[in-house]
Amino acid sequence: MVDRRAACGCLARALALVVGGTLVACGGTGPSPPAASPAERLATAAPALPSLKGINYDGPASSSGAWLGTRWLRPGVGGWAAARPRLQADLDFIASHGLGRTIRVFIGLDQLMVGDWSTGFVRFDGAALQNLDQALDMFDAHQLTVIAVVFDQEEVASPGNFHVEALDGRHPQMRAGYLTAVDQFFHRYGSRRTVAGWDLFNEAYGSLGTEGGLPRPPAPDPVSPNYPDDTVHAWITDLYRTAKRAAPQAWLTVSDTTELYWKEPADRQKYTGAVDFYDIHVYDDHPGARDWAHTLDRPYLLGEVGGDIDHGFKDQSVNSRVVAFWLSHARDLGITAVLAHSADGSVYSLSSGTLTATGRAIEAAR
C-alpha cells in the first residue's frame, strides 16, 4: 500500500511512489494521476494472480476417467496412485493450450485426516500429506497457481466430505477437532507460494445451510443439514480466525453461489468477519454484469463459471458464450480471475486432445 502521510518531509524530493502504475515524484509539481475507478481499486487490492483466466478444476479423475472426488490424495489404489497420472496429463494439457495459470482445486481436508468420527480429528495421515506435497510440486513445475478448497460437503460417502454433525450442537469435541486440524494445516501450508488463495468452505451457505434448497440426508447427494444462517456464520468465522492466526498472510475466503450474484444488492453480511476476498460462483445461461465495484468491500474472483448447471452448461453453444462474456467483462468489472468450470469434459478432452468451444473461448482470452 502506498504511504501518503505528510511525514515524507525533506525526503519527498528523493522518494518516488508508484501510483496506478505511474511513477510520480513525492511532492512533485507534475499533474496528479487520474483517480482509480472503484473496479480498479478492488482489483489492485488483491494479491496478483498469474492470469485472469483459468480453470475450476475440481480434482483429478483416474487414468480411466473414473470420478475420484475428494479421495484423490489418499494413499493406495483408488487414491493418489490413480490420480497422479491423470493430474500430470491434465496439467500438461492446461499449460500447453493456454487455458490460464490460475487453477481452483478441491483438497477436502477430511481425506487427509485420521480420526475417530465419534469424537473427531486425531492427526493427519503422513502419507496423504506427502501426496499433497507432490501435487503442489506438480502445479509449481507447470507454473500454475492454486486457489485451494479446504472443506467441501457434497458427497456424503466421500472420505473427504465434511462431517456435518460437528455443527449440530451435540458434538463440541468434533467441532473443536476440526479447528485443531485447520490450525495444524495452515501452520504447514498457509504460506506455501503455490496457493494464492484458500476457500475455507465451498459454498457453505448452500451445502450446510438452506440457501441451496438441498434436501436433508439421507436423500441422494447433494444434500444439506439445513442449518440456520447463524450456525453457518459462526462456523465460517471460526474457520477464518483459526486459519488467519496460523497463517496471517494467507488470503482467505468462503465461496458463495447465492448471496452475491443472485441478490440485488449483494448480501455481504453473511460473510462479515470470514473473508479477505469473495469467491463468487455463477451458473447462468443469460449472465448480466453486477455493480460489484460499488457494492462489494473486498476483492473478488469468479471461482466457478458456466451456463445453468442443468441446462446451458451441457450445451457448448451456451456455455462458451457465458464463459466468454465473463472473460470479456472481467477487467472493466474489477474481477481478479474468471475460472471456467471444467467438469464433464466441458473445456477439453484428453482422449482426443481437443478443446471444446468453451476451451477455445478460454484459449483466445487475453
Protein backbone atom coordinates (compact mmCIF):
# COMPACT_ATOMS: atom_id res chain seq x y z
CA MET A 1 0.00 0.00 0.00
CA VAL A 2 1.27 3.46 -0.88
CA ASP A 3 2.13 5.59 2.19
CA ARG A 4 0.77 9.08 1.62
CA ARG A 5 1.43 10.52 5.07
CA ALA A 6 2.89 14.03 5.23
CA ALA A 7 5.89 12.70 7.16
CA CYS A 8 7.82 12.36 3.92
CA GLY A 9 9.39 15.74 4.85
CA CYS A 10 12.65 16.52 3.16
CA LEU A 11 12.80 13.01 1.69
CA ALA A 12 9.98 13.99 -0.65
CA ARG A 13 12.34 15.20 -3.35
CA ALA A 14 14.23 11.91 -3.31
CA LEU A 15 11.47 9.32 -2.99
CA ALA A 16 9.04 8.14 -5.64
CA LEU A 17 5.76 6.36 -5.30
CA VAL A 18 4.12 4.07 -7.80
CA VAL A 19 0.52 5.21 -8.12
CA GLY A 20 -1.82 3.41 -10.50
CA GLY A 21 1.18 2.11 -12.48
CA THR A 22 2.69 5.62 -12.99
CA LEU A 23 5.91 6.73 -11.38
CA VAL A 24 5.23 10.03 -9.60
CA ALA A 25 7.75 12.06 -7.59
CA CYS A 26 6.65 12.54 -3.99
CA GLY A 27 5.87 16.21 -3.53
CA GLY A 28 6.44 16.92 -7.23
CA THR A 29 4.71 19.60 -9.23
CA GLY A 30 3.51 17.43 -12.10
CA PRO A 31 -0.15 16.62 -12.74
CA SER A 32 -1.88 14.29 -10.32
CA PRO A 33 -2.56 10.79 -11.61
CA PRO A 34 -6.16 10.06 -12.57
CA ALA A 35 -8.25 8.66 -9.75
CA ALA A 36 -8.65 4.89 -9.88
CA SER A 37 -12.13 3.61 -10.62
CA PRO A 38 -13.92 1.50 -7.98
CA ALA A 39 -13.27 -1.60 -10.11
CA GLU A 40 -9.55 -0.77 -10.33
CA ARG A 41 -9.33 -0.23 -6.59
CA LEU A 42 -10.90 -3.62 -5.91
CA ALA A 43 -8.64 -5.40 -8.40
CA THR A 44 -5.42 -3.80 -7.16
CA ALA A 45 -6.27 -4.60 -3.52
CA ALA A 46 -5.99 -8.33 -4.27
CA PRO A 47 -2.78 -10.35 -4.43
CA ALA A 48 -1.60 -10.67 -8.01
CA LEU A 49 -2.65 -13.85 -9.78
CA PRO A 50 -0.64 -15.13 -12.74
CA SER A 51 -3.60 -14.92 -15.13
CA LEU A 52 -7.11 -13.53 -15.22
CA LYS A 53 -8.41 -16.68 -16.90
CA GLY A 54 -8.24 -20.17 -15.50
CA ILE A 55 -10.00 -23.41 -14.62
CA ASN A 56 -12.19 -24.62 -11.77
CA TYR A 57 -10.50 -27.99 -11.88
CA ASP A 58 -12.34 -29.75 -9.05
CA GLY A 59 -9.87 -32.63 -8.73
CA PRO A 60 -8.28 -35.28 -10.92
CA ALA A 61 -10.11 -38.36 -12.13
CA SER A 62 -8.38 -41.70 -12.51
CA SER A 63 -6.45 -42.56 -15.67
CA SER A 64 -9.57 -44.33 -16.94
CA GLY A 65 -11.68 -41.24 -16.28
CA ALA A 66 -13.41 -42.64 -13.19
CA TRP A 67 -14.55 -39.98 -10.71
CA LEU A 68 -12.41 -39.88 -7.56
CA GLY A 69 -13.84 -36.84 -5.81
CA THR A 70 -12.22 -35.94 -2.52
CA ARG A 71 -10.38 -39.22 -2.15
CA TRP A 72 -7.70 -38.36 -4.70
CA LEU A 73 -4.95 -37.64 -2.14
CA ARG A 74 -5.42 -40.77 -0.08
CA PRO A 75 -2.68 -43.41 -0.20
CA GLY A 76 -3.03 -46.51 -2.30
CA VAL A 77 -5.29 -47.78 -5.04
CA GLY A 78 -8.27 -45.53 -5.72
CA GLY A 79 -6.44 -42.51 -4.35
CA TRP A 80 -3.14 -40.88 -5.27
CA ALA A 81 -1.91 -43.86 -7.27
CA ALA A 82 -4.92 -43.44 -9.59
CA ALA A 83 -4.96 -39.65 -9.54
CA ARG A 84 -1.33 -38.75 -10.13
CA PRO A 85 -1.03 -39.82 -13.82
CA ARG A 86 -4.25 -38.01 -14.69
CA LEU A 87 -3.20 -34.88 -12.78
CA GLN A 88 0.07 -34.84 -14.71
CA ALA A 89 -1.76 -35.19 -18.02
CA ASP A 90 -4.33 -32.51 -17.13
CA LEU A 91 -1.68 -30.01 -16.05
CA ASP A 92 0.36 -30.69 -19.19
CA PHE A 93 -2.72 -30.01 -21.33
CA ILE A 94 -3.84 -26.90 -19.43
CA ALA A 95 -0.38 -25.35 -19.59
CA SER A 96 0.29 -26.19 -23.23
CA HIS A 97 -3.09 -24.95 -24.51
CA GLY A 98 -3.08 -21.56 -22.81
CA LEU A 99 -6.06 -22.21 -20.54
CA GLY A 100 -4.75 -19.86 -17.86
CA ARG A 101 -2.42 -20.25 -14.94
CA THR A 102 -4.92 -19.94 -12.07
CA ILE A 103 -6.49 -23.27 -11.09
CA ARG A 104 -9.08 -23.93 -8.38
CA VAL A 105 -8.55 -27.32 -6.72
CA PHE A 106 -10.56 -29.21 -4.11
CA ILE A 107 -8.44 -30.64 -1.31
CA GLY A 108 -11.21 -31.79 1.03
CA LEU A 109 -9.29 -31.73 4.30
CA ASP A 110 -11.17 -34.70 5.76
CA GLN A 111 -9.44 -37.05 3.33
CA LEU A 112 -6.09 -36.15 4.91
CA MET A 113 -7.26 -36.83 8.46
CA VAL A 114 -7.10 -39.78 10.78
CA GLY A 115 -9.90 -39.65 13.30
CA ASP A 116 -12.45 -41.45 15.39
CA TRP A 117 -15.52 -39.80 13.92
CA SER A 118 -17.47 -40.22 17.13
CA THR A 119 -15.04 -37.70 18.63
CA GLY A 120 -13.25 -36.14 15.66
CA PHE A 121 -9.76 -35.33 14.42
CA VAL A 122 -6.79 -37.20 15.89
CA ARG A 123 -3.95 -36.48 13.46
CA PHE A 124 -3.09 -36.13 9.79
CA ASP A 125 -2.14 -39.09 7.65
CA GLY A 126 1.55 -38.54 6.88
CA ALA A 127 1.36 -40.34 3.53
CA ALA A 128 -1.63 -38.27 2.44
CA LEU A 129 0.24 -35.06 3.31
CA GLN A 130 3.20 -36.25 1.25
CA ASN A 131 0.81 -36.81 -1.66
CA LEU A 132 -0.47 -33.24 -1.28
CA ASP A 133 3.14 -32.01 -1.26
CA GLN A 134 3.77 -33.87 -4.52
CA ALA A 135 0.60 -32.47 -6.08
CA LEU A 136 1.54 -28.90 -5.19
CA ASP A 137 5.04 -29.53 -6.57
CA MET A 138 3.40 -30.55 -9.85
CA PHE A 139 1.50 -27.27 -10.03
CA ASP A 140 4.75 -25.44 -9.32
CA ALA A 141 6.52 -27.31 -12.11
CA HIS A 142 3.85 -26.11 -14.56
CA GLN A 143 3.98 -22.53 -13.20
CA LEU A 144 0.34 -22.79 -12.17
CA THR A 145 -1.11 -21.07 -9.12
CA VAL A 146 -3.82 -22.66 -7.00
CA ILE A 147 -7.00 -21.46 -5.31
CA ALA A 148 -7.38 -24.32 -2.82
CA VAL A 149 -10.69 -25.51 -1.36
CA VAL A 150 -10.18 -26.71 2.20
CA PHE A 151 -13.59 -28.18 3.10
CA ASP A 152 -16.44 -29.45 0.93
CA GLN A 153 -19.83 -31.02 1.68
CA GLU A 154 -21.37 -32.57 -1.42
CA GLU A 155 -20.80 -36.33 -1.45
CA VAL A 156 -21.66 -37.97 1.86
CA ALA A 157 -19.84 -41.21 1.04
CA SER A 158 -16.60 -39.48 0.06
CA PRO A 159 -13.76 -39.76 2.60
CA GLY A 160 -13.08 -36.05 2.01
CA ASN A 161 -16.63 -34.97 2.84
CA PHE A 162 -17.14 -32.70 5.84
CA HIS A 163 -18.87 -34.40 8.79
CA VAL A 164 -21.85 -32.09 9.28
CA GLU A 165 -22.72 -33.46 12.73
CA ALA A 166 -19.77 -31.41 14.04
CA LEU A 167 -22.04 -28.35 13.86
CA ASP A 168 -25.25 -29.78 15.32
CA GLY A 169 -24.52 -28.52 18.85
CA ARG A 170 -24.15 -32.03 20.27
CA HIS A 171 -20.57 -32.75 19.16
CA PRO A 172 -18.37 -29.99 20.58
CA GLN A 173 -15.28 -32.21 20.61
CA MET A 174 -15.65 -32.94 16.91
CA ARG A 175 -16.09 -29.23 16.14
CA ALA A 176 -13.03 -28.34 18.20
CA GLY A 177 -11.05 -31.10 16.49
CA TYR A 178 -11.76 -29.60 13.10
CA LEU A 179 -10.35 -26.26 14.27
CA THR A 180 -7.26 -28.01 15.63
CA ALA A 181 -6.81 -29.63 12.21
CA VAL A 182 -7.16 -26.26 10.47
CA ASP A 183 -4.57 -24.73 12.81
CA GLN A 184 -2.06 -27.50 12.10
CA PHE A 185 -2.77 -27.50 8.37
CA PHE A 186 -2.31 -23.74 7.94
CA HIS A 187 0.86 -23.72 10.02
CA ARG A 188 2.24 -26.20 7.48
CA TYR A 189 0.72 -24.94 4.21
CA GLY A 190 -0.63 -21.44 4.79
CA SER A 191 2.49 -19.68 3.49
CA ARG A 192 3.05 -22.04 0.54
CA ARG A 193 3.53 -19.84 -2.53
CA THR A 194 1.78 -22.35 -4.80
CA VAL A 195 -1.52 -21.33 -3.22
CA ALA A 196 -2.63 -17.73 -3.83
CA GLY A 197 -5.96 -18.09 -2.05
CA TRP A 198 -7.78 -20.50 0.22
CA ASP A 199 -11.51 -21.24 0.04
CA LEU A 200 -12.17 -22.40 3.59
CA PHE A 201 -15.55 -23.97 2.75
CA ASN A 202 -17.05 -24.49 -0.67
CA GLU A 203 -20.47 -22.79 -0.89
CA ALA A 204 -21.02 -23.04 2.85
CA TYR A 205 -24.49 -21.46 2.94
CA GLY A 206 -25.66 -23.75 0.16
CA SER A 207 -24.14 -27.02 1.38
CA LEU A 208 -24.52 -26.52 5.16
CA GLY A 209 -27.50 -24.18 5.29
CA THR A 210 -30.74 -23.61 3.47
CA GLU A 211 -29.63 -21.32 0.62
CA GLY A 212 -29.02 -24.15 -1.84
CA GLY A 213 -32.50 -25.61 -1.40
CA LEU A 214 -30.98 -29.05 -0.87
CA PRO A 215 -32.76 -31.90 0.93
CA ARG A 216 -31.51 -33.29 4.22
CA PRO A 217 -29.76 -36.67 4.36
CA PRO A 218 -30.49 -39.49 3.68
CA ALA A 219 -31.75 -38.13 0.36
CA PRO A 220 -29.46 -38.74 -2.62
CA ASP A 221 -26.48 -36.36 -2.92
CA PRO A 222 -26.15 -33.45 -2.89
CA VAL A 223 -27.73 -32.88 0.49
CA SER A 224 -27.53 -30.32 3.29
CA PRO A 225 -28.23 -30.48 7.03
CA ASN A 226 -30.12 -27.18 6.53
CA TYR A 227 -28.51 -25.44 9.49
CA PRO A 228 -29.66 -21.88 10.24
CA ASP A 229 -27.57 -18.98 8.93
CA ASP A 230 -26.27 -18.18 12.43
CA THR A 231 -24.78 -21.66 12.74
CA VAL A 232 -23.07 -21.41 9.35
CA HIS A 233 -21.77 -17.90 10.03
CA ALA A 234 -20.35 -18.89 13.42
CA TRP A 235 -18.56 -21.80 11.78
CA ILE A 236 -17.00 -19.92 8.87
CA THR A 237 -15.94 -17.13 11.24
CA ASP A 238 -14.18 -19.66 13.49
CA LEU A 239 -12.50 -21.21 10.44
CA TYR A 240 -11.29 -17.80 9.29
CA ARG A 241 -9.92 -16.78 12.70
CA THR A 242 -8.14 -20.10 13.19
CA ALA A 243 -6.54 -20.09 9.73
CA LYS A 244 -5.57 -16.41 9.98
CA ARG A 245 -3.86 -16.91 13.34
CA ALA A 246 -1.86 -19.81 11.90
CA ALA A 247 -1.03 -18.04 8.60
CA PRO A 248 -1.52 -14.26 8.92
CA GLN A 249 -0.54 -13.58 5.29
CA ALA A 250 -2.86 -16.19 3.77
CA TRP A 251 -5.65 -14.87 1.50
CA LEU A 252 -8.88 -16.48 2.76
CA THR A 253 -12.49 -16.77 1.61
CA VAL A 254 -15.67 -18.83 1.79
CA SER A 255 -17.20 -19.29 -1.66
CA ASP A 256 -20.71 -18.19 -2.49
CA THR A 257 -23.31 -19.30 -5.02
CA THR A 258 -26.45 -17.46 -3.88
CA GLU A 259 -25.95 -14.25 -1.92
CA LEU A 260 -23.57 -12.17 -4.02
CA TYR A 261 -24.77 -12.68 -7.59
CA TRP A 262 -28.44 -13.60 -7.36
CA LYS A 263 -29.37 -10.93 -4.83
CA GLU A 264 -29.54 -7.21 -5.59
CA PRO A 265 -27.77 -5.70 -3.81
CA ALA A 266 -25.31 -8.42 -2.87
CA ASP A 267 -25.75 -9.65 0.71
CA ARG A 268 -22.30 -9.19 2.24
CA GLN A 269 -23.45 -9.55 5.84
CA LYS A 270 -23.30 -13.33 5.81
CA TYR A 271 -19.55 -13.15 5.14
CA THR A 272 -18.69 -10.46 7.70
CA GLY A 273 -15.52 -11.40 9.58
CA ALA A 274 -14.91 -14.51 7.47
CA VAL A 275 -13.30 -13.43 4.17
CA ASP A 276 -10.39 -11.43 2.74
CA PHE A 277 -11.86 -11.74 -0.76
CA TYR A 278 -15.05 -13.03 -2.33
CA ASP A 279 -15.23 -16.17 -4.48
CA ILE A 280 -18.49 -15.96 -6.43
CA HIS A 281 -19.94 -18.89 -8.39
CA VAL A 282 -22.17 -18.04 -11.33
CA TYR A 283 -24.10 -20.59 -13.38
CA ASP A 284 -26.42 -18.54 -15.55
CA ASP A 285 -27.38 -19.01 -19.21
CA HIS A 286 -28.03 -15.27 -19.52
CA PRO A 287 -25.42 -13.59 -17.32
CA GLY A 288 -25.56 -9.91 -16.51
CA ALA A 289 -22.91 -7.64 -15.08
CA ARG A 290 -23.42 -6.58 -11.46
CA ASP A 291 -22.27 -3.35 -9.85
CA TRP A 292 -19.88 -5.26 -7.62
CA ALA A 293 -17.30 -2.46 -7.76
CA HIS A 294 -19.63 -0.31 -5.66
CA THR A 295 -21.38 -2.98 -3.58
CA LEU A 296 -18.53 -5.29 -2.55
CA ASP A 297 -15.96 -4.22 0.02
CA ARG A 298 -13.35 -6.84 -0.84
CA PRO A 299 -11.56 -8.00 -3.99
CA TYR A 300 -13.41 -10.78 -5.78
CA LEU A 301 -12.99 -13.52 -8.33
CA LEU A 302 -15.43 -15.82 -10.11
CA GLY A 303 -14.28 -19.21 -8.87
CA GLU A 304 -16.82 -21.24 -10.87
CA VAL A 305 -18.38 -20.01 -14.10
CA GLY A 306 -20.66 -21.70 -16.64
CA GLY A 307 -24.15 -21.96 -18.01
CA ASP A 308 -27.04 -23.10 -15.83
CA ILE A 309 -25.81 -26.40 -14.43
CA ASP A 310 -28.95 -28.26 -15.58
CA HIS A 311 -29.25 -26.53 -18.95
CA GLY A 312 -26.68 -24.32 -20.67
CA PHE A 313 -23.65 -25.90 -19.03
CA LYS A 314 -24.31 -29.01 -21.10
CA ASP A 315 -24.71 -27.02 -24.32
CA GLN A 316 -21.39 -25.81 -25.72
CA SER A 317 -23.02 -23.03 -27.73
CA VAL A 318 -24.41 -21.60 -24.48
CA ASN A 319 -21.58 -22.46 -22.12
CA SER A 320 -18.87 -20.99 -24.36
CA ARG A 321 -20.86 -17.77 -24.71
CA VAL A 322 -21.30 -17.48 -20.93
CA VAL A 323 -17.59 -18.02 -20.21
CA ALA A 324 -16.61 -15.58 -22.97
CA PHE A 325 -18.99 -12.98 -21.51
CA TRP A 326 -17.28 -13.00 -18.12
CA LEU A 327 -13.78 -13.09 -19.57
CA SER A 328 -14.53 -10.09 -21.79
CA HIS A 329 -16.01 -8.05 -18.91
CA ALA A 330 -13.56 -9.04 -16.17
CA ARG A 331 -11.18 -6.10 -16.31
CA ASP A 332 -13.92 -3.47 -16.53
CA LEU A 333 -15.68 -5.04 -13.53
CA GLY A 334 -12.53 -5.42 -11.43
CA ILE A 335 -12.74 -9.22 -11.38
CA THR A 336 -9.46 -10.78 -10.26
CA ALA A 337 -9.97 -14.05 -12.14
CA VAL A 338 -12.62 -15.98 -14.10
CA LEU A 339 -12.36 -19.74 -13.62
CA ALA A 340 -14.44 -21.84 -16.00
CA HIS A 341 -15.98 -24.99 -14.52
CA SER A 342 -14.33 -27.93 -16.27
CA ALA A 343 -16.44 -30.91 -15.19
CA ASP A 344 -17.75 -33.46 -17.70
CA GLY A 345 -15.29 -32.50 -20.44
CA SER A 346 -16.75 -29.03 -20.78
CA VAL A 347 -13.38 -27.42 -21.56
CA TYR A 348 -11.24 -30.12 -23.20
CA SER A 349 -10.88 -33.81 -23.95
CA LEU A 350 -7.66 -35.61 -23.12
CA SER A 351 -8.67 -38.64 -25.18
CA SER A 352 -9.00 -36.63 -28.38
CA GLY A 353 -6.54 -33.90 -27.41
CA THR A 354 -9.00 -31.19 -28.42
CA LEU A 355 -10.60 -28.10 -26.91
CA THR A 356 -14.34 -27.63 -26.79
CA ALA A 357 -15.94 -24.34 -27.84
CA THR A 358 -15.62 -23.29 -24.19
CA GLY A 359 -11.96 -24.23 -24.19
CA ARG A 360 -11.36 -22.22 -27.34
CA ALA A 361 -13.02 -19.19 -25.71
CA ILE A 362 -10.64 -19.50 -22.77
CA GLU A 363 -7.63 -20.04 -25.01
CA ALA A 364 -8.48 -16.89 -27.00
CA ALA A 365 -8.91 -14.66 -23.95
CA ARG A 366 -6.11 -12.27 -23.10
